[in-house]
N, C-alpha and C. Protein backbone atom coordinates (compact mmCIF):
# COMPACT_ATOMS: atom_id res chain seq x y z
N UNK A 1 31.58 1.02 39.15
CA UNK A 1 30.25 1.18 38.53
C UNK A 1 29.73 -0.15 38.07
N UNK A 2 30.59 -0.93 37.41
CA UNK A 2 30.18 -2.22 36.93
C UNK A 2 29.72 -3.13 38.03
N UNK A 3 30.45 -3.06 39.17
CA UNK A 3 30.07 -3.83 40.35
C UNK A 3 28.67 -3.44 40.81
N UNK A 4 28.40 -2.14 40.76
CA UNK A 4 27.10 -1.68 41.25
C UNK A 4 25.98 -2.23 40.37
N UNK A 5 26.18 -2.09 39.08
CA UNK A 5 25.18 -2.57 38.18
C UNK A 5 24.94 -4.11 38.33
N UNK A 6 26.07 -4.86 38.41
CA UNK A 6 25.96 -6.30 38.52
C UNK A 6 25.18 -6.66 39.81
N UNK A 7 25.54 -6.00 40.95
CA UNK A 7 24.93 -6.32 42.19
C UNK A 7 23.41 -5.98 42.14
N UNK A 8 23.11 -4.85 41.53
CA UNK A 8 21.73 -4.48 41.46
C UNK A 8 20.88 -5.40 40.61
N UNK A 9 21.52 -5.84 39.46
CA UNK A 9 20.82 -6.77 38.65
C UNK A 9 20.53 -8.12 39.35
N UNK A 10 21.57 -8.50 40.12
CA UNK A 10 21.42 -9.72 40.92
C UNK A 10 20.31 -9.58 41.94
N UNK A 11 20.28 -8.36 42.57
CA UNK A 11 19.28 -8.03 43.57
C UNK A 11 17.85 -8.17 42.96
N UNK A 12 17.67 -7.52 41.80
CA UNK A 12 16.35 -7.51 41.13
C UNK A 12 15.99 -8.97 40.70
N UNK A 13 17.01 -9.76 40.27
CA UNK A 13 16.72 -11.11 39.88
C UNK A 13 16.28 -11.91 41.08
N UNK A 14 16.95 -11.67 42.23
CA UNK A 14 16.52 -12.36 43.48
C UNK A 14 15.09 -12.06 43.79
N UNK A 15 14.66 -10.82 43.76
CA UNK A 15 13.29 -10.47 44.05
C UNK A 15 12.32 -11.06 43.08
N UNK A 16 12.74 -11.20 41.85
CA UNK A 16 11.86 -11.81 40.80
C UNK A 16 11.70 -13.27 40.96
N UNK A 17 12.55 -13.95 41.71
CA UNK A 17 12.46 -15.33 41.90
C UNK A 17 11.36 -15.75 42.85
N UNK A 18 10.07 -15.57 42.38
CA UNK A 18 8.92 -15.78 43.20
C UNK A 18 8.33 -17.17 43.03
N UNK A 19 9.00 -18.01 42.27
CA UNK A 19 8.51 -19.36 42.10
C UNK A 19 9.72 -20.24 41.67
N UNK A 20 9.56 -21.55 41.89
CA UNK A 20 10.58 -22.49 41.49
C UNK A 20 11.55 -22.83 42.62
N UNK A 21 12.66 -23.43 42.31
CA UNK A 21 13.67 -23.87 43.23
C UNK A 21 14.89 -22.96 43.22
N UNK A 22 15.34 -22.62 44.41
CA UNK A 22 16.48 -21.76 44.53
C UNK A 22 17.49 -22.29 45.52
N UNK A 23 18.69 -21.78 45.49
CA UNK A 23 19.74 -22.22 46.36
C UNK A 23 19.97 -21.10 47.47
N UNK A 24 19.83 -21.59 48.69
CA UNK A 24 19.95 -20.65 49.88
C UNK A 24 21.30 -20.92 50.57
N UNK A 25 21.97 -19.84 50.91
CA UNK A 25 23.11 -19.93 51.81
C UNK A 25 22.75 -19.03 53.06
N UNK A 26 22.78 -19.64 54.15
CA UNK A 26 22.40 -18.96 55.41
C UNK A 26 23.63 -18.26 55.91
N UNK A 27 23.52 -16.89 56.09
CA UNK A 27 24.70 -16.07 56.44
C UNK A 27 24.89 -15.96 57.89
N UNK A 28 23.86 -15.91 58.72
CA UNK A 28 24.02 -15.64 60.13
C UNK A 28 22.97 -14.80 60.75
N UNK A 29 23.30 -14.18 61.86
CA UNK A 29 22.29 -13.39 62.62
C UNK A 29 22.73 -11.97 62.80
N UNK A 30 21.75 -11.09 62.68
CA UNK A 30 22.08 -9.70 62.81
C UNK A 30 22.26 -9.15 64.20
N UNK A 31 21.68 -9.84 65.21
CA UNK A 31 21.66 -9.35 66.59
C UNK A 31 23.11 -9.21 67.07
N UNK A 32 23.62 -7.96 67.45
CA UNK A 32 24.96 -7.79 67.82
C UNK A 32 25.33 -8.59 69.08
N UNK A 33 26.47 -9.19 69.12
CA UNK A 33 26.93 -9.90 70.26
C UNK A 33 26.24 -11.22 70.58
N UNK A 34 25.31 -11.64 69.64
CA UNK A 34 24.65 -12.95 69.94
C UNK A 34 24.79 -13.79 68.72
N UNK A 35 24.86 -15.09 68.89
CA UNK A 35 25.04 -16.03 67.78
C UNK A 35 23.91 -17.04 67.66
N UNK A 36 23.02 -17.12 68.62
CA UNK A 36 21.96 -18.12 68.56
C UNK A 36 20.84 -17.71 67.63
N UNK A 37 20.29 -18.74 66.93
CA UNK A 37 19.20 -18.45 66.00
C UNK A 37 17.94 -17.95 66.79
N UNK A 38 17.87 -18.25 68.06
CA UNK A 38 16.70 -17.95 68.81
C UNK A 38 16.66 -16.39 69.20
N UNK A 39 17.64 -15.63 68.69
CA UNK A 39 17.58 -14.20 68.85
C UNK A 39 16.51 -13.53 68.00
N UNK A 40 16.08 -14.29 66.96
CA UNK A 40 14.94 -13.77 66.18
C UNK A 40 15.37 -12.88 65.01
N UNK A 41 14.37 -12.37 64.33
CA UNK A 41 14.54 -11.54 63.10
C UNK A 41 15.40 -10.32 63.53
N UNK A 42 16.29 -9.91 62.60
CA UNK A 42 16.47 -10.43 61.29
C UNK A 42 17.73 -11.37 61.20
N UNK A 43 17.58 -12.41 60.40
CA UNK A 43 18.71 -13.17 59.98
C UNK A 43 19.11 -12.66 58.65
N UNK A 44 20.21 -13.20 58.03
CA UNK A 44 20.51 -12.86 56.68
C UNK A 44 20.97 -14.06 55.91
N UNK A 45 20.65 -14.05 54.64
CA UNK A 45 20.94 -15.11 53.70
C UNK A 45 21.16 -14.60 52.27
N UNK A 46 21.59 -15.49 51.43
CA UNK A 46 21.64 -15.14 50.03
C UNK A 46 20.82 -16.18 49.23
N UNK A 47 20.27 -15.77 48.09
CA UNK A 47 19.45 -16.57 47.29
C UNK A 47 20.06 -16.64 45.86
N UNK A 48 20.42 -17.82 45.41
CA UNK A 48 21.08 -17.96 44.09
C UNK A 48 22.21 -17.11 43.90
N UNK A 49 23.05 -16.86 44.98
CA UNK A 49 24.26 -16.11 44.87
C UNK A 49 24.05 -14.59 44.76
N UNK A 50 22.82 -14.19 45.05
CA UNK A 50 22.51 -12.74 44.97
C UNK A 50 22.97 -11.99 46.20
N UNK A 51 22.55 -10.74 46.39
CA UNK A 51 22.93 -9.93 47.48
C UNK A 51 22.31 -10.46 48.82
N UNK A 52 22.84 -10.05 49.92
CA UNK A 52 22.33 -10.49 51.21
C UNK A 52 20.94 -9.84 51.40
N UNK A 53 20.08 -10.74 51.95
CA UNK A 53 18.71 -10.34 52.22
C UNK A 53 18.34 -10.64 53.63
N UNK A 54 17.44 -9.89 54.29
CA UNK A 54 16.93 -10.19 55.62
C UNK A 54 15.87 -11.24 55.46
N UNK A 55 15.88 -12.24 56.40
CA UNK A 55 14.85 -13.25 56.44
C UNK A 55 14.45 -13.55 57.86
N UNK A 56 13.29 -14.15 57.99
CA UNK A 56 12.74 -14.51 59.32
C UNK A 56 12.34 -16.01 59.25
N UNK A 57 12.72 -16.77 60.27
CA UNK A 57 12.39 -18.14 60.28
C UNK A 57 11.01 -18.33 61.02
N UNK A 58 10.30 -19.38 60.61
CA UNK A 58 8.91 -19.50 61.17
C UNK A 58 8.76 -20.78 62.01
N UNK A 59 9.90 -21.54 62.24
CA UNK A 59 9.89 -22.83 62.83
C UNK A 59 10.83 -22.83 64.10
N UNK A 60 10.25 -23.05 65.23
CA UNK A 60 11.05 -23.03 66.50
C UNK A 60 11.93 -24.29 66.57
N UNK A 61 11.48 -25.42 65.97
CA UNK A 61 12.21 -26.64 66.20
C UNK A 61 13.55 -26.64 65.36
N UNK A 62 13.40 -26.30 64.07
CA UNK A 62 14.57 -26.30 63.19
C UNK A 62 15.33 -24.98 63.33
N UNK A 63 16.69 -25.10 63.37
CA UNK A 63 17.49 -23.97 63.58
C UNK A 63 18.13 -23.42 62.34
N UNK A 64 19.38 -23.65 62.13
CA UNK A 64 20.09 -23.12 60.99
C UNK A 64 21.48 -22.74 61.49
N UNK A 65 22.46 -23.07 60.70
CA UNK A 65 23.88 -22.78 61.07
C UNK A 65 24.43 -21.81 60.01
N UNK A 66 25.33 -20.95 60.50
CA UNK A 66 26.00 -20.02 59.64
C UNK A 66 26.80 -20.75 58.60
N UNK A 67 26.59 -20.37 57.34
CA UNK A 67 27.24 -21.08 56.24
C UNK A 67 26.54 -22.29 55.66
N UNK A 68 25.45 -22.68 56.36
CA UNK A 68 24.64 -23.81 55.88
C UNK A 68 23.99 -23.46 54.57
N UNK A 69 23.93 -24.41 53.63
CA UNK A 69 23.29 -24.12 52.33
C UNK A 69 22.34 -25.29 52.02
N UNK A 70 21.28 -24.90 51.27
CA UNK A 70 20.31 -25.97 50.89
C UNK A 70 19.45 -25.42 49.73
N UNK A 71 18.70 -26.29 49.11
CA UNK A 71 17.77 -25.83 48.03
C UNK A 71 16.41 -25.79 48.57
N UNK A 72 15.62 -24.80 48.09
CA UNK A 72 14.32 -24.51 48.57
C UNK A 72 13.31 -24.20 47.52
N UNK A 73 12.04 -24.61 47.77
CA UNK A 73 11.00 -24.08 46.90
C UNK A 73 10.61 -22.68 47.39
N UNK A 74 10.16 -21.82 46.35
CA UNK A 74 9.76 -20.52 46.68
C UNK A 74 8.29 -20.37 46.49
N UNK A 75 7.58 -19.81 47.48
CA UNK A 75 6.14 -19.59 47.41
C UNK A 75 5.84 -18.09 47.60
N UNK A 76 5.08 -17.44 46.72
CA UNK A 76 4.58 -16.20 46.91
C UNK A 76 3.27 -16.28 47.72
N UNK A 77 3.30 -15.81 48.97
CA UNK A 77 2.15 -16.00 49.91
C UNK A 77 0.81 -15.46 49.23
N UNK A 78 1.00 -14.47 48.35
CA UNK A 78 -0.27 -13.92 47.75
C UNK A 78 -0.93 -14.89 46.85
N UNK A 79 -0.28 -15.95 46.37
CA UNK A 79 -0.93 -16.93 45.51
C UNK A 79 -1.87 -17.88 46.35
N UNK A 80 -1.69 -17.86 47.68
CA UNK A 80 -2.39 -18.83 48.56
C UNK A 80 -2.21 -20.25 48.25
N UNK A 81 -1.07 -20.50 47.58
CA UNK A 81 -0.68 -21.91 47.26
C UNK A 81 0.18 -22.52 48.36
N UNK A 82 -0.31 -23.50 49.04
CA UNK A 82 0.32 -24.07 50.19
C UNK A 82 1.09 -25.40 49.82
N UNK A 83 1.22 -25.68 48.60
CA UNK A 83 1.74 -27.03 48.15
C UNK A 83 3.00 -27.42 48.84
N UNK A 84 3.96 -26.46 48.86
CA UNK A 84 5.31 -26.84 49.34
C UNK A 84 5.62 -26.40 50.78
N UNK A 85 4.65 -25.77 51.38
CA UNK A 85 4.96 -25.15 52.72
C UNK A 85 5.02 -26.26 53.82
N UNK A 86 5.89 -26.00 54.80
CA UNK A 86 6.18 -26.97 55.84
C UNK A 86 4.97 -27.24 56.69
N UNK A 87 4.16 -26.28 56.95
CA UNK A 87 3.01 -26.47 57.94
C UNK A 87 1.70 -26.50 57.17
N UNK A 88 1.71 -26.98 55.92
CA UNK A 88 0.46 -26.99 55.16
C UNK A 88 -0.59 -27.98 55.55
N UNK A 89 -0.23 -28.90 56.54
CA UNK A 89 -1.19 -29.83 57.04
C UNK A 89 -1.87 -29.41 58.31
N UNK A 90 -1.45 -28.27 58.86
CA UNK A 90 -2.10 -27.79 60.05
C UNK A 90 -3.47 -27.18 59.71
N UNK A 91 -4.43 -27.32 60.62
CA UNK A 91 -5.79 -26.75 60.40
C UNK A 91 -5.65 -25.26 60.17
N UNK A 92 -6.41 -24.77 59.17
CA UNK A 92 -6.48 -23.39 58.78
C UNK A 92 -5.03 -22.84 58.46
N UNK A 93 -4.33 -23.76 57.77
CA UNK A 93 -2.87 -23.42 57.42
C UNK A 93 -2.74 -22.07 56.68
N UNK A 94 -3.61 -21.79 55.68
CA UNK A 94 -3.46 -20.54 54.98
C UNK A 94 -3.57 -19.29 55.91
N UNK A 95 -4.58 -19.39 56.82
CA UNK A 95 -4.70 -18.27 57.74
C UNK A 95 -3.50 -18.12 58.65
N UNK A 96 -2.91 -19.23 59.09
CA UNK A 96 -1.76 -19.21 59.90
C UNK A 96 -0.59 -18.56 59.18
N UNK A 97 -0.36 -18.88 57.90
CA UNK A 97 0.72 -18.31 57.13
C UNK A 97 0.46 -16.81 56.88
N UNK A 98 -0.82 -16.49 56.69
CA UNK A 98 -1.15 -15.08 56.46
C UNK A 98 -0.89 -14.31 57.73
N UNK A 99 -1.20 -14.88 58.91
CA UNK A 99 -0.85 -14.21 60.13
C UNK A 99 0.65 -13.94 60.24
N UNK A 100 1.44 -15.00 59.87
CA UNK A 100 2.88 -14.87 59.91
C UNK A 100 3.37 -13.77 58.88
N UNK A 101 2.74 -13.81 57.74
CA UNK A 101 3.03 -12.76 56.68
C UNK A 101 2.66 -11.31 57.17
N UNK A 102 1.52 -11.23 57.82
CA UNK A 102 1.17 -9.93 58.35
C UNK A 102 2.14 -9.44 59.40
N UNK A 103 2.63 -10.33 60.22
CA UNK A 103 3.59 -10.00 61.31
C UNK A 103 4.93 -9.56 60.73
N UNK A 104 5.45 -10.26 59.75
CA UNK A 104 6.74 -9.80 59.17
C UNK A 104 6.50 -8.45 58.49
N UNK A 105 5.35 -8.19 57.90
CA UNK A 105 5.16 -6.88 57.26
C UNK A 105 5.16 -5.82 58.27
N UNK A 106 4.86 -6.09 59.55
CA UNK A 106 4.89 -5.07 60.58
C UNK A 106 6.28 -4.57 60.97
N UNK A 107 7.34 -5.30 60.49
CA UNK A 107 8.64 -4.89 60.79
C UNK A 107 8.97 -3.65 59.98
N UNK A 108 8.17 -3.30 58.93
CA UNK A 108 8.35 -2.12 58.18
C UNK A 108 7.91 -0.89 58.95
N UNK A 109 7.12 -1.07 60.00
CA UNK A 109 6.55 0.04 60.73
C UNK A 109 7.32 0.35 62.01
N UNK A 110 8.33 -0.46 62.37
CA UNK A 110 9.10 -0.26 63.54
C UNK A 110 10.52 -0.69 63.29
N UNK A 111 11.49 0.10 63.77
CA UNK A 111 12.89 -0.22 63.56
C UNK A 111 13.51 -0.76 64.82
N UNK A 112 12.70 -1.00 65.89
CA UNK A 112 13.20 -1.42 67.15
C UNK A 112 13.49 -2.92 67.11
N UNK A 113 14.79 -3.32 67.41
CA UNK A 113 15.13 -4.71 67.40
C UNK A 113 14.33 -5.49 68.41
N UNK A 114 13.95 -4.92 69.54
CA UNK A 114 13.08 -5.60 70.50
C UNK A 114 11.77 -5.95 69.90
N UNK A 115 11.17 -5.06 69.11
CA UNK A 115 9.89 -5.37 68.46
C UNK A 115 10.09 -6.47 67.48
N UNK A 116 11.15 -6.47 66.71
CA UNK A 116 11.36 -7.51 65.75
C UNK A 116 11.52 -8.87 66.38
N UNK A 117 12.21 -8.94 67.53
CA UNK A 117 12.34 -10.16 68.23
C UNK A 117 10.95 -10.66 68.72
N UNK A 118 10.21 -9.77 69.34
CA UNK A 118 8.87 -10.13 69.79
C UNK A 118 8.02 -10.62 68.61
N UNK A 119 8.07 -9.97 67.52
CA UNK A 119 7.30 -10.34 66.34
C UNK A 119 7.71 -11.74 65.85
N UNK A 120 9.02 -12.06 65.83
CA UNK A 120 9.49 -13.40 65.44
C UNK A 120 9.00 -14.50 66.43
N UNK A 121 9.00 -14.19 67.75
CA UNK A 121 8.49 -15.07 68.66
C UNK A 121 6.95 -15.32 68.50
N UNK A 122 6.24 -14.28 68.09
CA UNK A 122 4.81 -14.47 67.77
C UNK A 122 4.64 -15.42 66.62
N UNK A 123 5.46 -15.24 65.58
CA UNK A 123 5.44 -16.15 64.43
C UNK A 123 5.71 -17.59 64.85
N UNK A 124 6.71 -17.82 65.69
CA UNK A 124 7.04 -19.13 66.12
C UNK A 124 5.84 -19.75 66.85
N UNK A 125 5.15 -18.92 67.62
CA UNK A 125 3.99 -19.45 68.39
C UNK A 125 2.82 -19.80 67.51
N UNK A 126 2.73 -19.09 66.38
CA UNK A 126 1.62 -19.42 65.44
C UNK A 126 1.70 -20.89 65.03
N UNK A 127 2.93 -21.32 64.70
CA UNK A 127 3.08 -22.74 64.22
C UNK A 127 3.42 -23.76 65.27
N UNK A 128 3.68 -23.26 66.51
CA UNK A 128 3.89 -24.14 67.62
C UNK A 128 3.21 -23.55 68.87
N UNK A 129 1.91 -23.72 68.92
CA UNK A 129 1.07 -23.07 70.03
C UNK A 129 1.56 -23.56 71.44
N UNK A 130 2.29 -24.64 71.52
CA UNK A 130 2.75 -25.11 72.84
C UNK A 130 3.93 -24.30 73.36
N UNK A 131 4.50 -23.48 72.45
CA UNK A 131 5.69 -22.69 72.86
C UNK A 131 5.25 -21.61 73.85
N UNK A 132 6.00 -21.57 74.94
CA UNK A 132 5.71 -20.55 75.94
C UNK A 132 6.19 -19.20 75.48
N UNK A 133 5.44 -18.19 75.84
CA UNK A 133 5.83 -16.82 75.51
C UNK A 133 7.06 -16.42 76.30
N UNK A 134 7.89 -15.63 75.59
CA UNK A 134 9.08 -15.10 76.28
C UNK A 134 8.89 -13.69 76.67
N UNK A 135 9.73 -13.16 77.57
CA UNK A 135 9.53 -11.76 77.98
C UNK A 135 9.45 -10.82 76.76
N UNK A 136 8.61 -9.85 76.89
CA UNK A 136 8.37 -8.88 75.80
C UNK A 136 6.96 -8.84 75.43
N UNK A 137 6.67 -8.39 74.19
CA UNK A 137 5.30 -8.18 73.78
C UNK A 137 4.89 -9.20 72.68
N UNK A 138 5.49 -10.38 72.70
CA UNK A 138 5.12 -11.39 71.69
C UNK A 138 3.69 -11.77 71.79
N UNK A 139 3.12 -11.91 72.95
CA UNK A 139 1.69 -12.19 73.04
C UNK A 139 0.80 -11.10 72.50
N UNK A 140 1.23 -9.86 72.65
CA UNK A 140 0.49 -8.73 72.11
C UNK A 140 0.49 -8.77 70.57
N UNK A 141 1.66 -9.01 70.02
CA UNK A 141 1.76 -9.13 68.58
C UNK A 141 0.90 -10.32 68.04
N UNK A 142 0.95 -11.46 68.77
CA UNK A 142 0.13 -12.56 68.28
C UNK A 142 -1.35 -12.24 68.30
N UNK A 143 -1.78 -11.57 69.35
CA UNK A 143 -3.23 -11.23 69.35
C UNK A 143 -3.57 -10.25 68.26
N UNK A 144 -2.68 -9.29 67.91
CA UNK A 144 -2.92 -8.37 66.83
C UNK A 144 -2.99 -9.16 65.52
N UNK A 145 -2.19 -10.14 65.35
CA UNK A 145 -2.27 -10.95 64.08
C UNK A 145 -3.61 -11.73 64.08
N UNK A 146 -4.02 -12.25 65.21
CA UNK A 146 -5.34 -12.97 65.25
C UNK A 146 -6.51 -12.06 64.92
N UNK A 147 -6.45 -10.83 65.41
CA UNK A 147 -7.46 -9.81 65.24
C UNK A 147 -7.54 -9.46 63.75
N UNK A 148 -6.36 -9.30 63.14
CA UNK A 148 -6.31 -9.00 61.66
C UNK A 148 -6.86 -10.09 60.87
N UNK A 149 -6.63 -11.33 61.31
CA UNK A 149 -7.21 -12.51 60.58
C UNK A 149 -8.70 -12.48 60.65
N UNK A 150 -9.29 -12.20 61.82
CA UNK A 150 -10.72 -12.14 61.98
C UNK A 150 -11.35 -11.02 61.13
N UNK A 151 -10.55 -9.90 60.95
CA UNK A 151 -11.05 -8.82 60.07
C UNK A 151 -10.86 -9.07 58.64
N UNK A 152 -10.19 -10.15 58.27
CA UNK A 152 -9.92 -10.46 56.81
C UNK A 152 -8.67 -9.79 56.28
N UNK A 153 -7.73 -9.32 57.12
CA UNK A 153 -6.53 -8.68 56.68
C UNK A 153 -6.77 -7.54 55.69
N UNK A 154 -7.59 -6.60 56.07
CA UNK A 154 -7.88 -5.49 55.16
C UNK A 154 -6.64 -4.73 54.66
N UNK A 155 -6.56 -4.57 53.35
CA UNK A 155 -5.53 -3.80 52.78
C UNK A 155 -4.07 -4.49 52.72
N UNK A 156 -4.05 -5.70 53.13
CA UNK A 156 -2.73 -6.39 53.19
C UNK A 156 -2.38 -7.05 51.82
N UNK A 157 -1.25 -6.77 51.30
CA UNK A 157 -0.77 -7.37 50.05
C UNK A 157 0.22 -8.51 50.34
N UNK A 158 -0.32 -9.74 50.33
CA UNK A 158 0.57 -10.85 50.70
C UNK A 158 1.57 -11.17 49.58
N UNK A 159 1.41 -10.57 48.43
CA UNK A 159 2.44 -10.79 47.39
C UNK A 159 3.76 -10.17 47.75
N UNK A 160 3.75 -9.47 48.84
CA UNK A 160 5.01 -8.84 49.33
C UNK A 160 5.81 -9.82 50.29
N UNK A 161 5.32 -10.97 50.44
CA UNK A 161 5.95 -11.95 51.31
C UNK A 161 6.32 -13.22 50.57
N UNK A 162 7.55 -13.57 50.51
CA UNK A 162 7.99 -14.82 49.91
C UNK A 162 8.36 -15.87 51.02
N UNK A 163 8.16 -17.10 50.72
CA UNK A 163 8.46 -18.17 51.66
C UNK A 163 9.39 -19.19 51.02
N UNK A 164 10.50 -19.44 51.66
CA UNK A 164 11.51 -20.40 51.14
C UNK A 164 11.42 -21.69 51.96
N UNK A 165 10.97 -22.77 51.38
CA UNK A 165 10.77 -24.02 52.11
C UNK A 165 11.75 -25.03 51.61
N UNK A 166 12.65 -25.58 52.50
CA UNK A 166 13.59 -26.57 52.08
C UNK A 166 13.00 -27.72 51.39
N UNK A 167 13.68 -28.23 50.34
CA UNK A 167 13.18 -29.43 49.66
C UNK A 167 13.04 -30.58 50.64
N UNK A 168 13.97 -30.68 51.58
CA UNK A 168 13.88 -31.69 52.60
C UNK A 168 13.20 -30.98 53.84
N UNK A 169 11.96 -30.60 53.64
CA UNK A 169 11.31 -29.69 54.58
C UNK A 169 10.98 -30.30 55.93
N UNK A 170 10.92 -31.68 55.99
CA UNK A 170 10.59 -32.29 57.28
C UNK A 170 11.85 -32.89 57.94
N UNK A 171 13.07 -32.25 57.56
CA UNK A 171 14.34 -32.75 57.94
C UNK A 171 14.40 -33.58 59.21
N UNK A 172 14.86 -34.84 59.08
CA UNK A 172 14.95 -35.73 60.25
C UNK A 172 16.38 -36.26 60.33
N UNK A 173 16.74 -36.73 61.56
CA UNK A 173 18.09 -37.24 61.71
C UNK A 173 18.04 -38.81 61.41
N UNK A 174 19.18 -39.45 61.70
CA UNK A 174 19.31 -40.83 61.32
C UNK A 174 18.27 -41.73 62.10
N UNK A 175 17.80 -41.24 63.21
CA UNK A 175 16.88 -41.97 64.02
C UNK A 175 15.42 -41.64 63.70
N UNK A 176 15.25 -40.84 62.68
CA UNK A 176 13.89 -40.45 62.35
C UNK A 176 13.27 -39.35 63.16
N UNK A 177 14.07 -38.70 64.02
CA UNK A 177 13.59 -37.63 64.84
C UNK A 177 13.81 -36.31 64.11
N UNK A 178 13.06 -35.29 64.43
CA UNK A 178 13.29 -33.98 63.85
C UNK A 178 14.70 -33.55 64.12
N UNK A 179 15.37 -33.14 63.09
CA UNK A 179 16.77 -32.70 63.25
C UNK A 179 16.82 -31.21 63.46
N UNK A 180 17.25 -30.72 64.64
CA UNK A 180 17.26 -29.27 64.84
C UNK A 180 18.23 -28.45 63.96
N UNK A 181 19.11 -29.20 63.35
CA UNK A 181 20.03 -28.50 62.48
C UNK A 181 19.67 -28.62 60.99
N UNK A 182 18.49 -29.20 60.72
CA UNK A 182 17.94 -29.20 59.36
C UNK A 182 17.48 -27.85 58.95
N UNK A 183 17.47 -27.57 57.66
CA UNK A 183 17.20 -26.20 57.18
C UNK A 183 15.91 -25.66 57.69
N UNK A 184 15.89 -24.27 57.85
CA UNK A 184 14.73 -23.56 58.25
C UNK A 184 13.81 -23.25 57.11
N UNK A 185 12.58 -23.01 57.41
CA UNK A 185 11.66 -22.33 56.42
C UNK A 185 11.75 -20.88 56.70
N UNK A 186 11.97 -20.09 55.66
CA UNK A 186 12.29 -18.68 55.82
C UNK A 186 11.28 -17.79 55.15
N UNK A 187 10.95 -16.68 55.78
CA UNK A 187 10.09 -15.64 55.14
C UNK A 187 10.95 -14.43 54.76
N UNK A 188 10.63 -13.82 53.62
CA UNK A 188 11.34 -12.62 53.18
C UNK A 188 10.33 -11.59 52.74
N UNK A 189 10.60 -10.34 53.08
CA UNK A 189 9.84 -9.22 52.58
C UNK A 189 10.39 -8.78 51.19
N UNK A 190 9.49 -8.70 50.18
CA UNK A 190 9.90 -8.15 48.93
C UNK A 190 9.96 -6.61 49.13
N UNK A 191 10.95 -5.95 48.66
CA UNK A 191 11.00 -4.53 48.73
C UNK A 191 9.83 -3.86 48.13
N UNK A 192 9.33 -2.81 48.72
CA UNK A 192 8.12 -2.06 48.25
C UNK A 192 8.40 -1.55 46.81
N UNK A 193 7.35 -1.49 45.99
CA UNK A 193 7.50 -1.01 44.60
C UNK A 193 8.27 0.32 44.53
N UNK A 194 7.99 1.21 45.44
CA UNK A 194 8.69 2.52 45.39
C UNK A 194 10.16 2.38 45.53
N UNK A 195 10.62 1.49 46.41
CA UNK A 195 12.04 1.21 46.60
C UNK A 195 12.68 0.67 45.33
N UNK A 196 11.98 -0.26 44.68
CA UNK A 196 12.51 -0.83 43.45
C UNK A 196 12.55 0.27 42.34
N UNK A 197 11.56 1.10 42.30
CA UNK A 197 11.58 2.18 41.33
C UNK A 197 12.69 3.15 41.53
N UNK A 198 12.95 3.46 42.77
CA UNK A 198 14.11 4.33 43.06
C UNK A 198 15.39 3.75 42.74
N UNK A 199 15.52 2.39 42.95
CA UNK A 199 16.75 1.71 42.59
C UNK A 199 16.94 1.73 41.17
N UNK A 200 15.87 1.36 40.40
CA UNK A 200 16.03 1.33 38.92
C UNK A 200 16.33 2.69 38.36
N UNK A 201 15.65 3.75 38.91
CA UNK A 201 15.91 5.14 38.48
C UNK A 201 17.32 5.54 38.74
N UNK A 202 17.85 5.22 39.93
CA UNK A 202 19.17 5.49 40.35
C UNK A 202 20.20 4.89 39.41
N UNK A 203 19.97 3.65 39.05
CA UNK A 203 20.87 2.92 38.13
C UNK A 203 20.88 3.53 36.75
N UNK A 204 19.69 3.91 36.34
CA UNK A 204 19.63 4.55 34.97
C UNK A 204 20.33 5.91 35.00
N UNK A 205 20.18 6.66 36.11
CA UNK A 205 20.86 7.91 36.21
C UNK A 205 22.32 7.79 36.19
N UNK A 206 22.80 6.81 36.98
CA UNK A 206 24.26 6.64 37.09
C UNK A 206 24.79 6.15 35.77
N UNK A 207 24.05 5.31 35.07
CA UNK A 207 24.52 4.76 33.79
C UNK A 207 24.58 5.98 32.78
N UNK A 208 23.49 6.77 32.82
CA UNK A 208 23.53 7.98 31.90
C UNK A 208 24.62 8.96 32.11
N UNK A 209 24.91 9.21 33.40
CA UNK A 209 26.08 10.09 33.71
C UNK A 209 27.39 9.50 33.23
N UNK A 210 27.47 8.22 33.37
CA UNK A 210 28.73 7.56 32.91
C UNK A 210 28.88 7.67 31.39
N UNK A 211 27.81 7.57 30.66
CA UNK A 211 27.84 7.64 29.25
C UNK A 211 28.20 9.05 28.75
N UNK A 212 27.82 10.11 29.52
CA UNK A 212 28.10 11.49 29.15
C UNK A 212 29.54 11.87 29.36
N UNK A 213 30.24 11.15 30.21
CA UNK A 213 31.61 11.57 30.47
C UNK A 213 32.58 11.16 29.43
């Protein structure tokens, strides 16, 4: 019981970390039988030693190695603050990040790993338009994101998307070239309010039952 309470408190603390600097440990890749970061969403990581969370990378150039750790700034996409973001110098950067945010939100509507992979490739293409599309529906997802942007993202709550940007966000190697093993910029979906409410209610119920025994 104590372990459950501690883990849940850590989980809620992780979700509440919507600003400031945090410590990321990259755990690996969810895709069964594959080890490459190019398999796409979902990856998993921990933040400040909390429970494992699903994350999506938005940068095709930088990879990420299992067990790699780094410090990152956290941005709530709903604030529209681009100060620390890796691609904040790109034209229409806020719209690009909102398209990426809209895409990761769509993973809530489908549980198909193939859709998640296509969605992640669409996100990579947003920030690297020279990237060729891969087999699947990534081009379709990218067009849907563009269409949502043109419509003004009706009904989208971007506060549900957190972005973790490495402090060394432009990671380069000793020769000044982009280092493919430098830390990734990661997107995370904040659990929906209903999920958090159920978790909190469940914890209170378990705690009450324990007290009555």
